[in-house]
Amino acid sequence: MQPNPQLKSFIKPYDPKIQKLTLDLRNFITELVPQANELIWDNYNAVALAYSKSEKLKDAFCHIAVYSKHVNFGFNRGAELSKTTIKLDGKGKLIRHISVKDFQSFPKEEIKELIWEALGISEKMNSELIFENNNPKSIVMSISEKKIRPKKI
């Protein structure tokens, strides 16, 4: 699936390394789970991308949050994951993430296992998701008027 054309403009204020990292992480997910929709928010404090087999955030199994010095790769129900090969950060009831600074050190194999488990949790919560999504989309969900973005020097 091609990214929504607006995605590149949303991440353009970020350093080129952060832009590339964001797109590398995005490609990692969309290649692993090609039937997932990409839900995009150009939020106040970050650009966020969620991956779901529906067009609803509540069904999302993982997400990417873009910040000026790193990108968070997270799991929407990360607190429910049983795999313990990676230390996930987060203190809330559900969401857990890892902070990623470069794609080379991103623990791809371990994250794949977590993605499959997270997708299973999502499908268990909404049984309609077990059916194939043969037409995945990259959808802009909202664009905040005011944003905190890195300043270009």
N, C-alpha and C. Protein backbone atom coordinates (compact mmCIF):
# COMPACT_ATOMS: atom_id res chain seq x y z
N MET A 1 0.85 -1.17 0.00
CA MET A 1 0.00 0.00 0.00
C MET A 1 0.90 1.24 0.00
N GLN A 2 0.56 2.16 -0.84
CA GLN A 2 1.27 3.42 -0.89
C GLN A 2 0.80 4.32 0.26
N PRO A 3 1.70 5.13 0.83
CA PRO A 3 1.25 6.03 1.88
C PRO A 3 0.35 7.12 1.32
N ASN A 4 -0.53 7.63 2.16
CA ASN A 4 -1.33 8.77 1.76
C ASN A 4 -0.36 9.88 1.34
N PRO A 5 -0.64 10.58 0.23
CA PRO A 5 0.29 11.62 -0.24
C PRO A 5 0.57 12.71 0.81
N GLN A 6 -0.34 12.93 1.73
CA GLN A 6 -0.14 13.96 2.75
C GLN A 6 0.89 13.55 3.80
N LEU A 7 1.14 12.26 3.96
CA LEU A 7 2.06 11.81 5.00
C LEU A 7 3.42 12.47 4.87
N LYS A 8 3.98 12.51 3.68
CA LYS A 8 5.31 13.10 3.50
C LYS A 8 5.31 14.58 3.87
N SER A 9 4.23 15.29 3.59
CA SER A 9 4.17 16.70 3.99
C SER A 9 4.05 16.84 5.51
N PHE A 10 3.38 15.89 6.17
CA PHE A 10 3.25 15.93 7.63
C PHE A 10 4.61 15.74 8.32
N ILE A 11 5.46 14.89 7.75
CA ILE A 11 6.75 14.61 8.39
C ILE A 11 7.89 15.49 7.86
N LYS A 12 7.60 16.31 6.88
CA LYS A 12 8.64 17.16 6.28
C LYS A 12 9.35 18.08 7.28
N PRO A 13 8.68 18.63 8.31
CA PRO A 13 9.40 19.49 9.27
C PRO A 13 10.46 18.75 10.09
N TYR A 14 10.44 17.44 10.11
CA TYR A 14 11.38 16.66 10.91
C TYR A 14 12.70 16.49 10.17
N ASP A 15 13.74 16.22 10.93
CA ASP A 15 15.06 15.94 10.38
C ASP A 15 14.95 14.81 9.35
N PRO A 16 15.72 14.85 8.26
CA PRO A 16 15.65 13.78 7.25
C PRO A 16 15.86 12.37 7.83
N LYS A 17 16.69 12.23 8.88
CA LYS A 17 16.89 10.91 9.49
C LYS A 17 15.61 10.41 10.16
N ILE A 18 14.88 11.31 10.80
CA ILE A 18 13.60 10.95 11.43
C ILE A 18 12.56 10.63 10.37
N GLN A 19 12.56 11.38 9.27
CA GLN A 19 11.64 11.10 8.17
C GLN A 19 11.89 9.70 7.62
N LYS A 20 13.16 9.39 7.37
CA LYS A 20 13.51 8.07 6.82
C LYS A 20 13.16 6.96 7.81
N LEU A 21 13.47 7.17 9.09
CA LEU A 21 13.14 6.18 10.10
C LEU A 21 11.63 5.94 10.14
N THR A 22 10.86 6.99 10.08
CA THR A 22 9.39 6.86 10.08
C THR A 22 8.93 6.01 8.91
N LEU A 23 9.44 6.30 7.72
CA LEU A 23 9.03 5.55 6.53
C LEU A 23 9.55 4.11 6.57
N ASP A 24 10.75 3.89 7.13
CA ASP A 24 11.26 2.52 7.27
C ASP A 24 10.37 1.70 8.21
N LEU A 25 9.97 2.30 9.35
CA LEU A 25 9.08 1.60 10.29
C LEU A 25 7.72 1.35 9.65
N ARG A 26 7.22 2.34 8.92
CA ARG A 26 5.94 2.21 8.22
C ARG A 26 6.01 1.03 7.24
N ASN A 27 7.08 0.97 6.45
CA ASN A 27 7.23 -0.11 5.47
C ASN A 27 7.35 -1.46 6.16
N PHE A 28 8.03 -1.50 7.29
CA PHE A 28 8.16 -2.73 8.07
C PHE A 28 6.77 -3.28 8.42
N ILE A 29 5.90 -2.43 8.90
CA ILE A 29 4.55 -2.87 9.27
C ILE A 29 3.73 -3.25 8.05
N THR A 30 3.71 -2.39 7.04
CA THR A 30 2.84 -2.64 5.89
C THR A 30 3.29 -3.85 5.07
N GLU A 31 4.59 -4.17 5.11
CA GLU A 31 5.05 -5.39 4.44
C GLU A 31 4.71 -6.63 5.26
N LEU A 32 4.78 -6.51 6.58
CA LEU A 32 4.48 -7.65 7.46
C LEU A 32 2.98 -7.94 7.51
N VAL A 33 2.17 -6.89 7.57
CA VAL A 33 0.70 -7.03 7.65
C VAL A 33 0.09 -6.20 6.52
N PRO A 34 0.18 -6.69 5.27
CA PRO A 34 -0.27 -5.89 4.13
C PRO A 34 -1.77 -5.59 4.11
N GLN A 35 -2.55 -6.32 4.87
CA GLN A 35 -3.99 -6.09 4.90
C GLN A 35 -4.40 -5.00 5.90
N ALA A 36 -3.42 -4.42 6.61
CA ALA A 36 -3.74 -3.39 7.61
C ALA A 36 -3.96 -2.04 6.95
N ASN A 37 -4.94 -1.32 7.46
CA ASN A 37 -5.14 0.07 7.09
C ASN A 37 -4.17 0.92 7.90
N GLU A 38 -3.81 2.05 7.34
CA GLU A 38 -2.95 3.01 8.02
C GLU A 38 -3.81 4.24 8.33
N LEU A 39 -3.92 4.55 9.61
CA LEU A 39 -4.73 5.68 10.06
C LEU A 39 -3.77 6.76 10.54
N ILE A 40 -3.86 7.96 9.95
CA ILE A 40 -2.86 9.00 10.19
C ILE A 40 -3.49 10.21 10.88
N TRP A 41 -2.80 10.68 11.92
CA TRP A 41 -3.19 11.90 12.61
C TRP A 41 -2.01 12.86 12.59
N ASP A 42 -2.24 14.07 12.10
CA ASP A 42 -1.23 15.12 12.19
C ASP A 42 -1.59 15.92 13.44
N ASN A 43 -1.21 15.40 14.59
CA ASN A 43 -1.64 15.92 15.88
C ASN A 43 -0.83 17.13 16.33
N TYR A 44 -1.28 17.70 17.44
CA TYR A 44 -0.63 18.86 18.04
C TYR A 44 0.84 18.60 18.35
N ASN A 45 1.13 17.49 19.04
CA ASN A 45 2.50 17.26 19.51
C ASN A 45 3.27 16.18 18.74
N ALA A 46 2.64 15.49 17.80
CA ALA A 46 3.33 14.44 17.04
C ALA A 46 2.49 14.04 15.83
N VAL A 47 3.17 13.47 14.86
CA VAL A 47 2.46 12.79 13.76
C VAL A 47 2.31 11.35 14.22
N ALA A 48 1.10 10.83 14.14
CA ALA A 48 0.83 9.48 14.61
C ALA A 48 0.23 8.64 13.50
N LEU A 49 0.69 7.39 13.41
CA LEU A 49 0.18 6.44 12.43
C LEU A 49 -0.23 5.19 13.20
N ALA A 50 -1.47 4.77 13.03
CA ALA A 50 -1.95 3.55 13.68
C ALA A 50 -2.28 2.53 12.59
N TYR A 51 -2.13 1.27 12.92
CA TYR A 51 -2.37 0.18 11.97
C TYR A 51 -3.47 -0.72 12.49
N SER A 52 -4.49 -0.89 11.65
CA SER A 52 -5.70 -1.59 12.04
C SER A 52 -6.28 -2.30 10.82
N LYS A 53 -6.89 -3.45 11.04
CA LYS A 53 -7.55 -4.13 9.93
C LYS A 53 -8.94 -3.53 9.65
N SER A 54 -9.36 -2.60 10.50
CA SER A 54 -10.59 -1.84 10.23
C SER A 54 -10.16 -0.38 10.03
N GLU A 55 -11.12 0.50 9.94
CA GLU A 55 -10.81 1.93 9.85
C GLU A 55 -11.05 2.62 11.18
N LYS A 56 -10.94 1.83 12.27
CA LYS A 56 -11.19 2.36 13.61
C LYS A 56 -9.95 2.23 14.48
N LEU A 57 -9.67 3.30 15.23
CA LEU A 57 -8.53 3.29 16.13
C LEU A 57 -8.67 2.20 17.19
N LYS A 58 -9.87 1.94 17.64
CA LYS A 58 -10.05 0.93 18.70
C LYS A 58 -9.60 -0.46 18.27
N ASP A 59 -9.51 -0.70 16.96
CA ASP A 59 -9.06 -2.00 16.45
C ASP A 59 -7.57 -2.02 16.11
N ALA A 60 -6.87 -0.92 16.33
CA ALA A 60 -5.44 -0.84 15.98
C ALA A 60 -4.61 -1.77 16.85
N PHE A 61 -3.62 -2.37 16.25
CA PHE A 61 -2.74 -3.29 16.99
C PHE A 61 -1.37 -2.67 17.25
N CYS A 62 -0.93 -1.74 16.42
CA CYS A 62 0.34 -1.06 16.68
C CYS A 62 0.30 0.34 16.10
N HIS A 63 1.30 1.14 16.47
CA HIS A 63 1.32 2.52 16.02
C HIS A 63 2.75 3.07 15.99
N ILE A 64 2.88 4.19 15.31
CA ILE A 64 4.13 4.93 15.22
C ILE A 64 3.82 6.36 15.64
N ALA A 65 4.66 6.95 16.48
CA ALA A 65 4.52 8.36 16.87
C ALA A 65 5.85 9.05 16.56
N VAL A 66 5.78 10.11 15.77
CA VAL A 66 6.98 10.79 15.29
C VAL A 66 7.27 12.01 16.17
N TYR A 67 8.47 12.07 16.72
CA TYR A 67 8.93 13.19 17.53
C TYR A 67 10.22 13.73 16.93
N SER A 68 10.71 14.84 17.45
CA SER A 68 11.86 15.50 16.82
C SER A 68 13.16 14.71 16.90
N LYS A 69 13.38 13.94 17.96
CA LYS A 69 14.65 13.23 18.12
C LYS A 69 14.54 11.71 18.06
N HIS A 70 13.33 11.19 17.99
CA HIS A 70 13.12 9.74 17.93
C HIS A 70 11.71 9.45 17.41
N VAL A 71 11.46 8.18 17.20
CA VAL A 71 10.14 7.71 16.80
C VAL A 71 9.75 6.60 17.78
N ASN A 72 8.55 6.69 18.30
CA ASN A 72 8.06 5.61 19.16
C ASN A 72 7.34 4.57 18.30
N PHE A 73 7.66 3.31 18.54
CA PHE A 73 6.94 2.20 17.92
C PHE A 73 6.17 1.56 19.05
N GLY A 74 4.85 1.58 18.96
CA GLY A 74 4.07 1.12 20.10
C GLY A 74 3.00 0.12 19.77
N PHE A 75 2.46 -0.42 20.85
CA PHE A 75 1.38 -1.40 20.77
C PHE A 75 0.19 -0.86 21.56
N ASN A 76 -0.95 -0.79 20.89
CA ASN A 76 -2.13 -0.19 21.50
C ASN A 76 -2.63 -0.96 22.71
N ARG A 77 -2.38 -2.26 22.75
CA ARG A 77 -2.74 -3.06 23.91
C ARG A 77 -1.48 -3.77 24.41
N GLY A 78 -0.40 -3.02 24.44
CA GLY A 78 0.91 -3.57 24.79
C GLY A 78 0.99 -4.16 26.18
N ALA A 79 0.19 -3.64 27.10
CA ALA A 79 0.20 -4.18 28.47
C ALA A 79 -0.33 -5.61 28.51
N GLU A 80 -1.05 -6.02 27.46
CA GLU A 80 -1.62 -7.36 27.41
C GLU A 80 -0.73 -8.36 26.69
N LEU A 81 0.38 -7.91 26.13
CA LEU A 81 1.26 -8.81 25.41
C LEU A 81 2.01 -9.72 26.39
N SER A 82 2.13 -10.99 26.03
CA SER A 82 2.78 -11.94 26.94
C SER A 82 4.27 -12.06 26.66
N LYS A 83 4.70 -11.73 25.48
CA LYS A 83 6.12 -11.86 25.14
C LYS A 83 6.95 -10.88 25.96
N THR A 84 8.08 -11.32 26.44
CA THR A 84 8.90 -10.46 27.29
C THR A 84 10.31 -10.30 26.76
N THR A 85 10.53 -10.52 25.47
CA THR A 85 11.88 -10.43 24.93
C THR A 85 12.36 -8.98 24.84
N ILE A 86 11.44 -8.03 24.82
CA ILE A 86 11.78 -6.61 24.70
C ILE A 86 11.13 -5.86 25.85
N LYS A 87 11.86 -4.93 26.41
CA LYS A 87 11.29 -4.07 27.46
C LYS A 87 10.50 -2.96 26.78
N LEU A 88 9.18 -2.96 26.98
CA LEU A 88 8.32 -1.92 26.44
C LEU A 88 8.07 -0.89 27.53
N ASP A 89 8.12 0.38 27.17
CA ASP A 89 7.89 1.47 28.11
C ASP A 89 6.44 1.90 28.10
N GLY A 90 6.01 2.48 29.20
CA GLY A 90 4.65 3.01 29.32
C GLY A 90 4.08 2.65 30.67
N LYS A 91 3.33 3.60 31.23
CA LYS A 91 2.77 3.39 32.56
C LYS A 91 1.25 3.39 32.56
N GLY A 92 0.65 3.61 31.40
CA GLY A 92 -0.80 3.63 31.32
C GLY A 92 -1.40 2.24 31.40
N LYS A 93 -2.71 2.17 31.26
CA LYS A 93 -3.40 0.87 31.35
C LYS A 93 -3.08 -0.06 30.19
N LEU A 94 -2.90 0.48 28.98
CA LEU A 94 -2.78 -0.38 27.82
C LEU A 94 -1.54 -0.15 26.95
N ILE A 95 -1.27 1.07 26.58
CA ILE A 95 -0.27 1.36 25.54
C ILE A 95 1.15 1.16 26.08
N ARG A 96 1.97 0.50 25.25
CA ARG A 96 3.39 0.32 25.53
C ARG A 96 4.16 0.61 24.24
N HIS A 97 5.41 1.04 24.38
CA HIS A 97 6.19 1.40 23.21
C HIS A 97 7.69 1.21 23.47
N ILE A 98 8.44 1.28 22.37
CA ILE A 98 9.89 1.40 22.47
C ILE A 98 10.26 2.67 21.70
N SER A 99 11.29 3.32 22.15
CA SER A 99 11.80 4.51 21.47
C SER A 99 12.85 4.04 20.46
N VAL A 100 12.71 4.50 19.22
CA VAL A 100 13.61 4.05 18.15
C VAL A 100 14.37 5.26 17.62
N LYS A 101 15.70 5.11 17.55
CA LYS A 101 16.52 6.22 17.03
C LYS A 101 17.09 5.90 15.65
N ASP A 102 17.20 4.61 15.33
CA ASP A 102 17.65 4.23 13.99
C ASP A 102 17.11 2.84 13.66
N PHE A 103 16.89 2.61 12.38
CA PHE A 103 16.25 1.37 11.94
C PHE A 103 17.19 0.17 12.07
N GLN A 104 18.51 0.41 11.98
CA GLN A 104 19.47 -0.69 12.06
C GLN A 104 19.41 -1.38 13.43
N SER A 105 19.19 -0.61 14.50
CA SER A 105 19.15 -1.22 15.83
C SER A 105 17.74 -1.63 16.25
N PHE A 106 16.75 -1.38 15.41
CA PHE A 106 15.37 -1.77 15.71
C PHE A 106 15.29 -3.29 15.75
N PRO A 107 14.78 -3.88 16.85
CA PRO A 107 14.77 -5.34 17.00
C PRO A 107 13.65 -6.00 16.17
N LYS A 108 13.89 -6.11 14.88
CA LYS A 108 12.86 -6.53 13.92
C LYS A 108 12.23 -7.89 14.24
N GLU A 109 13.05 -8.88 14.49
CA GLU A 109 12.50 -10.23 14.71
C GLU A 109 11.64 -10.28 15.97
N GLU A 110 12.11 -9.67 17.04
CA GLU A 110 11.34 -9.67 18.28
C GLU A 110 10.04 -8.88 18.12
N ILE A 111 10.12 -7.77 17.39
CA ILE A 111 8.93 -6.94 17.17
C ILE A 111 7.92 -7.68 16.30
N LYS A 112 8.39 -8.45 15.33
CA LYS A 112 7.46 -9.24 14.50
C LYS A 112 6.60 -10.13 15.37
N GLU A 113 7.22 -10.81 16.33
CA GLU A 113 6.47 -11.69 17.24
C GLU A 113 5.41 -10.90 18.00
N LEU A 114 5.79 -9.72 18.48
CA LEU A 114 4.85 -8.88 19.23
C LEU A 114 3.72 -8.38 18.34
N ILE A 115 4.04 -8.06 17.09
CA ILE A 115 3.00 -7.60 16.16
C ILE A 115 1.98 -8.71 15.93
N TRP A 116 2.46 -9.93 15.71
CA TRP A 116 1.52 -11.04 15.47
C TRP A 116 0.65 -11.28 16.69
N GLU A 117 1.24 -11.19 17.88
CA GLU A 117 0.44 -11.36 19.09
C GLU A 117 -0.56 -10.21 19.25
N ALA A 118 -0.12 -8.99 18.99
CA ALA A 118 -1.00 -7.82 19.11
C ALA A 118 -2.14 -7.90 18.10
N LEU A 119 -1.85 -8.36 16.90
CA LEU A 119 -2.89 -8.53 15.89
C LEU A 119 -3.90 -9.58 16.35
N GLY A 120 -3.42 -10.65 16.96
CA GLY A 120 -4.32 -11.68 17.50
C GLY A 120 -5.23 -11.14 18.59
N ILE A 121 -4.69 -10.30 19.46
CA ILE A 121 -5.51 -9.67 20.50
C ILE A 121 -6.59 -8.80 19.86
N SER A 122 -6.21 -8.03 18.86
CA SER A 122 -7.16 -7.16 18.17
C SER A 122 -8.27 -7.98 17.51
N GLU A 123 -7.90 -9.08 16.86
CA GLU A 123 -8.89 -9.94 16.21
C GLU A 123 -9.79 -10.64 17.22
N LYS A 124 -9.25 -10.97 18.38
CA LYS A 124 -10.05 -11.61 19.42
C LYS A 124 -11.10 -10.62 19.96
N MET A 125 -10.73 -9.35 20.03
CA MET A 125 -11.64 -8.34 20.54
C MET A 125 -12.72 -7.96 19.53
N ASN A 126 -12.42 -8.11 18.24
CA ASN A 126 -13.39 -7.83 17.18
C ASN A 126 -13.27 -8.95 16.15
N SER A 127 -14.14 -9.94 16.24
CA SER A 127 -14.04 -11.13 15.39
C SER A 127 -14.20 -10.82 13.90
N GLU A 128 -14.75 -9.68 13.55
CA GLU A 128 -14.87 -9.31 12.13
C GLU A 128 -13.49 -9.09 11.49
N LEU A 129 -12.49 -8.84 12.31
CA LEU A 129 -11.16 -8.55 11.78
C LEU A 129 -10.44 -9.79 11.27
N ILE A 130 -10.96 -10.98 11.56
CA ILE A 130 -10.28 -12.19 11.07
C ILE A 130 -10.41 -12.33 9.55
N PHE A 131 -11.37 -11.63 8.95
CA PHE A 131 -11.53 -11.68 7.51
C PHE A 131 -10.48 -10.80 6.85
N GLU A 132 -10.04 -11.22 5.69
CA GLU A 132 -9.01 -10.47 4.97
C GLU A 132 -9.53 -9.10 4.55
N ASN A 133 -8.69 -8.10 4.68
CA ASN A 133 -8.96 -6.77 4.15
C ASN A 133 -8.21 -6.70 2.83
N ASN A 134 -8.93 -6.85 1.73
CA ASN A 134 -8.28 -6.90 0.41
C ASN A 134 -8.04 -5.54 -0.20
N ASN A 135 -8.45 -4.48 0.50
CA ASN A 135 -8.29 -3.14 -0.03
C ASN A 135 -7.78 -2.20 1.08
N PRO A 136 -6.54 -2.43 1.56
CA PRO A 136 -6.04 -1.57 2.62
C PRO A 136 -5.87 -0.13 2.15
N LYS A 137 -6.08 0.80 3.09
CA LYS A 137 -6.03 2.22 2.75
C LYS A 137 -5.12 2.95 3.71
N SER A 138 -4.57 4.05 3.24
CA SER A 138 -3.81 4.99 4.06
C SER A 138 -4.69 6.23 4.18
N ILE A 139 -5.24 6.45 5.38
CA ILE A 139 -6.30 7.44 5.58
C ILE A 139 -5.85 8.52 6.57
N VAL A 140 -6.00 9.78 6.19
CA VAL A 140 -5.76 10.88 7.12
C VAL A 140 -7.02 11.03 7.96
N MET A 141 -6.87 10.85 9.27
CA MET A 141 -8.02 10.90 10.17
C MET A 141 -8.30 12.32 10.66
N SER A 142 -7.23 13.08 10.95
CA SER A 142 -7.42 14.47 11.36
C SER A 142 -6.11 15.24 11.23
N ILE A 143 -6.25 16.55 11.12
CA ILE A 143 -5.12 17.46 11.05
C ILE A 143 -5.37 18.57 12.07
N SER A 144 -4.50 18.68 13.05
CA SER A 144 -4.63 19.74 14.04
C SER A 144 -4.20 21.07 13.44
N GLU A 145 -4.92 22.13 13.79
CA GLU A 145 -4.54 23.45 13.31
C GLU A 145 -3.23 23.90 13.92
N LYS A 146 -3.11 23.77 15.24
CA LYS A 146 -1.88 24.16 15.93
C LYS A 146 -1.02 22.93 16.13
N LYS A 147 0.30 23.11 15.89
CA LYS A 147 1.22 21.98 16.01
C LYS A 147 2.53 22.42 16.63
N ILE A 148 3.13 21.52 17.37
CA ILE A 148 4.51 21.69 17.83
C ILE A 148 5.35 20.87 16.86
N ARG A 149 6.22 21.53 16.13
CA ARG A 149 7.10 20.83 15.18
C ARG A 149 8.51 21.36 15.32
N PRO A 150 9.50 20.55 14.93
CA PRO A 150 10.88 21.03 15.00
C PRO A 150 11.05 22.27 14.13
N LYS A 151 11.85 23.18 14.61
CA LYS A 151 12.15 24.40 13.85
C LYS A 151 13.33 24.12 12.93
N LYS A 152 13.21 24.52 11.68
CA LYS A 152 14.32 24.37 10.74
C LYS A 152 15.35 25.47 11.03
N ILE A 153 16.62 25.07 11.06
CA ILE A 153 17.69 26.03 11.33
C ILE A 153 18.34 26.46 10.04
